[in-house]
Amino acid sequence: MLNQVTAKAQPDPVELLRAKGLRPTRQRVEVLSELGREPDDATAQQLWARLREGAGSTIGLATVYRTLARLRDEGVVDALSHHGSEQCFRLCMQSHHHHLFCVQCHKVVEVDDCSLGTWVDDVATRHGFVAEEHSVEISGRCARCR
């Protein structure tokens, strides 16, 4: 049985960046703070618009894209591919987990308690690979949208 994680704790952006060995620049802190307020996920464009309009930030769109790419590469945020051709970003729990997302309202739920490890290793071995990591995005409709 999958264990759903429904409540999303909002960590301190400065502490989160330092824990990952990253300098807490103003831009990184602004992007993480705004993403931490998002209950589901957001594109770089959406975050940029919120920062410019709501928070009055002067951050540029290219800076938001670069910042999110770096935060993704360092494992600070997750990038999800369910929003057409543009990636969505989510400030997630730090343990291994997967995502359920609604194709209608874009609600995202983090699911932990992964039992795919043995299957992933078996499939990889059959094809001459050694699995290093895996992630799963499950699309469907949430209870509200059905």
Foldseek 3Di string as FASTA:
>chain_A
DWDWDQDDDQDQQCVLQVVLVHHPDPLLNLLSVQLSVDRFWAFLVVSVVCCCPVVVDPDDSVSSVVSQVVCCVSQQWPWDDLPPRTIIIHRHDSDDWEWEAENPPGHIITIDPDPCVVVVCVVQVVVPHGDDDDYDYHYHHDPVGD
